[in-house]
Amino acid sequence: MSHPHQVAPAIVQQNTEGLIINCAYNADGLRYLGYAAPGSLNSDRVWQIQRLEYVDGKVVAVRFASNAEFSQAWDNREGLVYA
C-alpha cells in the first residue's frame, strides 16, 4: 500500500514511432532520453530531450528542454535548461 500523500508523477505518452532514441544514465538510473529522426547526429540541433529527476531512487519528474521542441543537440544535454 502506498502512502496516502504520495503522488505518482503523470505519465506522458508520445509517439516515438520512426524516431531514434538515445539514453544516458547516472547513479540513479536513466537520466536523459533523446528523440530524433533516423540519421541525426548527436551534435545536430534536431533532438527533443527529456531529463528525469529522482528522489530516493524514484522518478518524480520528467522535464523537457526547450518546451519539448526538436531543437537541441544531444551532445549538449547536460547544460540545457529543463522545465
C-alpha atoms as a PDB file:
ATOM      1  CA  MET A   1       0.000   0.000   0.000  1.00  0.00           C
ATOM      2  CA  SER A   2       1.367   3.419  -0.863  1.00  0.00           C
ATOM      3  CA  HIS A   3       1.494   6.366   1.462  1.00  0.00           C
ATOM      4  CA  PRO A   4      -1.786   8.366   1.201  1.00  0.00           C
ATOM      5  CA  HIS A   5       0.074  11.623   0.489  1.00  0.00           C
ATOM      6  CA  GLN A   6       2.347  10.181  -2.156  1.00  0.00           C
ATOM      7  CA  VAL A   7       1.548  11.379  -5.664  1.00  0.00           C
ATOM      8  CA  ALA A   8       2.821   9.462  -8.660  1.00  0.00           C
ATOM      9  CA  PRO A   9       4.189  11.598 -11.483  1.00  0.00           C
ATOM     10  CA  ALA A  10       1.954  11.960 -14.518  1.00  0.00           C
ATOM     11  CA  ILE A  11       2.900   9.669 -17.355  1.00  0.00           C
ATOM     12  CA  VAL A  12       3.324  11.487 -20.626  1.00  0.00           C
ATOM     13  CA  GLN A  13       2.905   9.351 -23.694  1.00  0.00           C
ATOM     14  CA  GLN A  14       4.311  10.420 -27.019  1.00  0.00           C
ATOM     15  CA  ASN A  15       4.558   8.897 -30.444  1.00  0.00           C
ATOM     16  CA  THR A  16       8.153   7.789 -30.885  1.00  0.00           C
ATOM     17  CA  GLU A  17       7.458   5.615 -33.922  1.00  0.00           C
ATOM     18  CA  GLY A  18      10.103   6.188 -36.567  1.00  0.00           C
ATOM     19  CA  LEU A  19      12.426   8.113 -34.221  1.00  0.00           C
ATOM     20  CA  ILE A  20      15.800   7.077 -32.870  1.00  0.00           C
ATOM     21  CA  ILE A  21      16.137   7.167 -29.098  1.00  0.00           C
ATOM     22  CA  ASN A  22      19.300   7.947 -27.113  1.00  0.00           C
ATOM     23  CA  CYS A  23      19.617   7.155 -23.403  1.00  0.00           C
ATOM     24  CA  ALA A  24      22.099   8.408 -20.798  1.00  0.00           C
ATOM     25  CA  TYR A  25      22.398   7.099 -17.243  1.00  0.00           C
ATOM     26  CA  ASN A  26      23.705   8.263 -13.879  1.00  0.00           C
ATOM     27  CA  ALA A  27      23.907   6.622 -10.445  1.00  0.00           C
ATOM     28  CA  ASP A  28      20.104   6.812 -10.006  1.00  0.00           C
ATOM     29  CA  GLY A  29      19.408   5.145 -13.342  1.00  0.00           C
ATOM     30  CA  LEU A  30      18.097   6.589 -16.580  1.00  0.00           C
ATOM     31  CA  ARG A  31      18.794  10.358 -16.570  1.00  0.00           C
ATOM     32  CA  TYR A  32      18.203  11.624 -20.137  1.00  0.00           C
ATOM     33  CA  LEU A  33      16.121  10.487 -23.105  1.00  0.00           C
ATOM     34  CA  GLY A  34      16.566  11.995 -26.545  1.00  0.00           C
ATOM     35  CA  TYR A  35      14.453  11.586 -29.675  1.00  0.00           C
ATOM     36  CA  ALA A  36      15.355  12.497 -33.258  1.00  0.00           C
ATOM     37  CA  ALA A  37      14.838  11.429 -36.854  1.00  0.00           C
ATOM     38  CA  PRO A  38      16.929   8.497 -38.085  1.00  0.00           C
ATOM     39  CA  GLY A  39      20.323   9.604 -39.380  1.00  0.00           C
ATOM     40  CA  SER A  40      20.583  12.548 -36.977  1.00  0.00           C
ATOM     41  CA  LEU A  41      23.980  13.151 -35.423  1.00  0.00           C
ATOM     42  CA  ASN A  42      24.333  13.709 -31.673  1.00  0.00           C
ATOM     43  CA  SER A  43      25.691  17.186 -32.483  1.00  0.00           C
ATOM     44  CA  ASP A  44      22.706  18.155 -34.700  1.00  0.00           C
ATOM     45  CA  ARG A  45      20.212  20.589 -33.153  1.00  0.00           C
ATOM     46  CA  VAL A  46      17.266  18.339 -34.009  1.00  0.00           C
ATOM     47  CA  TRP A  47      16.755  16.478 -30.736  1.00  0.00           C
ATOM     48  CA  GLN A  48      13.878  16.533 -28.273  1.00  0.00           C
ATOM     49  CA  ILE A  49      15.456  15.852 -24.866  1.00  0.00           C
ATOM     50  CA  GLN A  50      13.904  14.847 -21.549  1.00  0.00           C
ATOM     51  CA  ARG A  51      15.584  14.824 -18.145  1.00  0.00           C
ATOM     52  CA  LEU A  52      14.314  12.510 -15.424  1.00  0.00           C
ATOM     53  CA  GLU A  53      14.532  13.735 -11.826  1.00  0.00           C
ATOM     54  CA  TYR A  54      14.788  11.352  -8.893  1.00  0.00           C
ATOM     55  CA  VAL A  55      14.055  11.460  -5.172  1.00  0.00           C
ATOM     56  CA  ASP A  56      15.014   8.446  -3.088  1.00  0.00           C
ATOM     57  CA  GLY A  57      15.639   6.409  -6.233  1.00  0.00           C
ATOM     58  CA  LYS A  58      12.214   7.071  -7.765  1.00  0.00           C
ATOM     59  CA  VAL A  59      11.362   9.222 -10.776  1.00  0.00           C
ATOM     60  CA  VAL A  60       9.428  12.252  -9.537  1.00  0.00           C
ATOM     61  CA  ALA A  61       9.525  14.456 -12.633  1.00  0.00           C
ATOM     62  CA  VAL A  62      10.218  14.320 -16.349  1.00  0.00           C
ATOM     63  CA  ARG A  63      11.205  17.690 -17.765  1.00  0.00           C
ATOM     64  CA  PHE A  64      11.747  18.786 -21.364  1.00  0.00           C
ATOM     65  CA  ALA A  65      14.440  21.051 -22.765  1.00  0.00           C
ATOM     66  CA  SER A  66      13.193  23.997 -24.824  1.00  0.00           C
ATOM     67  CA  ASN A  67       9.453  23.386 -24.450  1.00  0.00           C
ATOM     68  CA  ALA A  68       9.744  19.881 -25.930  1.00  0.00           C
ATOM     69  CA  GLU A  69      10.820  21.178 -29.337  1.00  0.00           C
ATOM     70  CA  PHE A  70      13.123  19.166 -31.596  1.00  0.00           C
ATOM     71  CA  SER A  71      15.770  21.891 -31.433  1.00  0.00           C
ATOM     72  CA  GLN A  72      18.574  20.691 -29.156  1.00  0.00           C
ATOM     73  CA  ALA A  73      21.844  18.806 -29.637  1.00  0.00           C
ATOM     74  CA  TRP A  74      22.094  15.548 -27.716  1.00  0.00           C
ATOM     75  CA  ASP A  75      25.738  16.344 -27.005  1.00  0.00           C
ATOM     76  CA  ASN A  76      24.613  19.460 -25.032  1.00  0.00           C
ATOM     77  CA  ARG A  77      22.009  17.706 -22.857  1.00  0.00           C
ATOM     78  CA  GLU A  78      23.762  18.287 -19.514  1.00  0.00           C
ATOM     79  CA  GLY A  79      23.984  22.068 -19.983  1.00  0.00           C
ATOM     80  CA  LEU A  80      20.407  22.687 -21.149  1.00  0.00           C
ATOM     81  CA  VAL A  81      17.583  24.333 -19.192  1.00  0.00           C
ATOM     82  CA  TYR A  82      14.677  21.979 -18.426  1.00  0.00           C
ATOM     83  CA  ALA A  83      11.161  22.993 -17.478  1.00  0.00           C
END
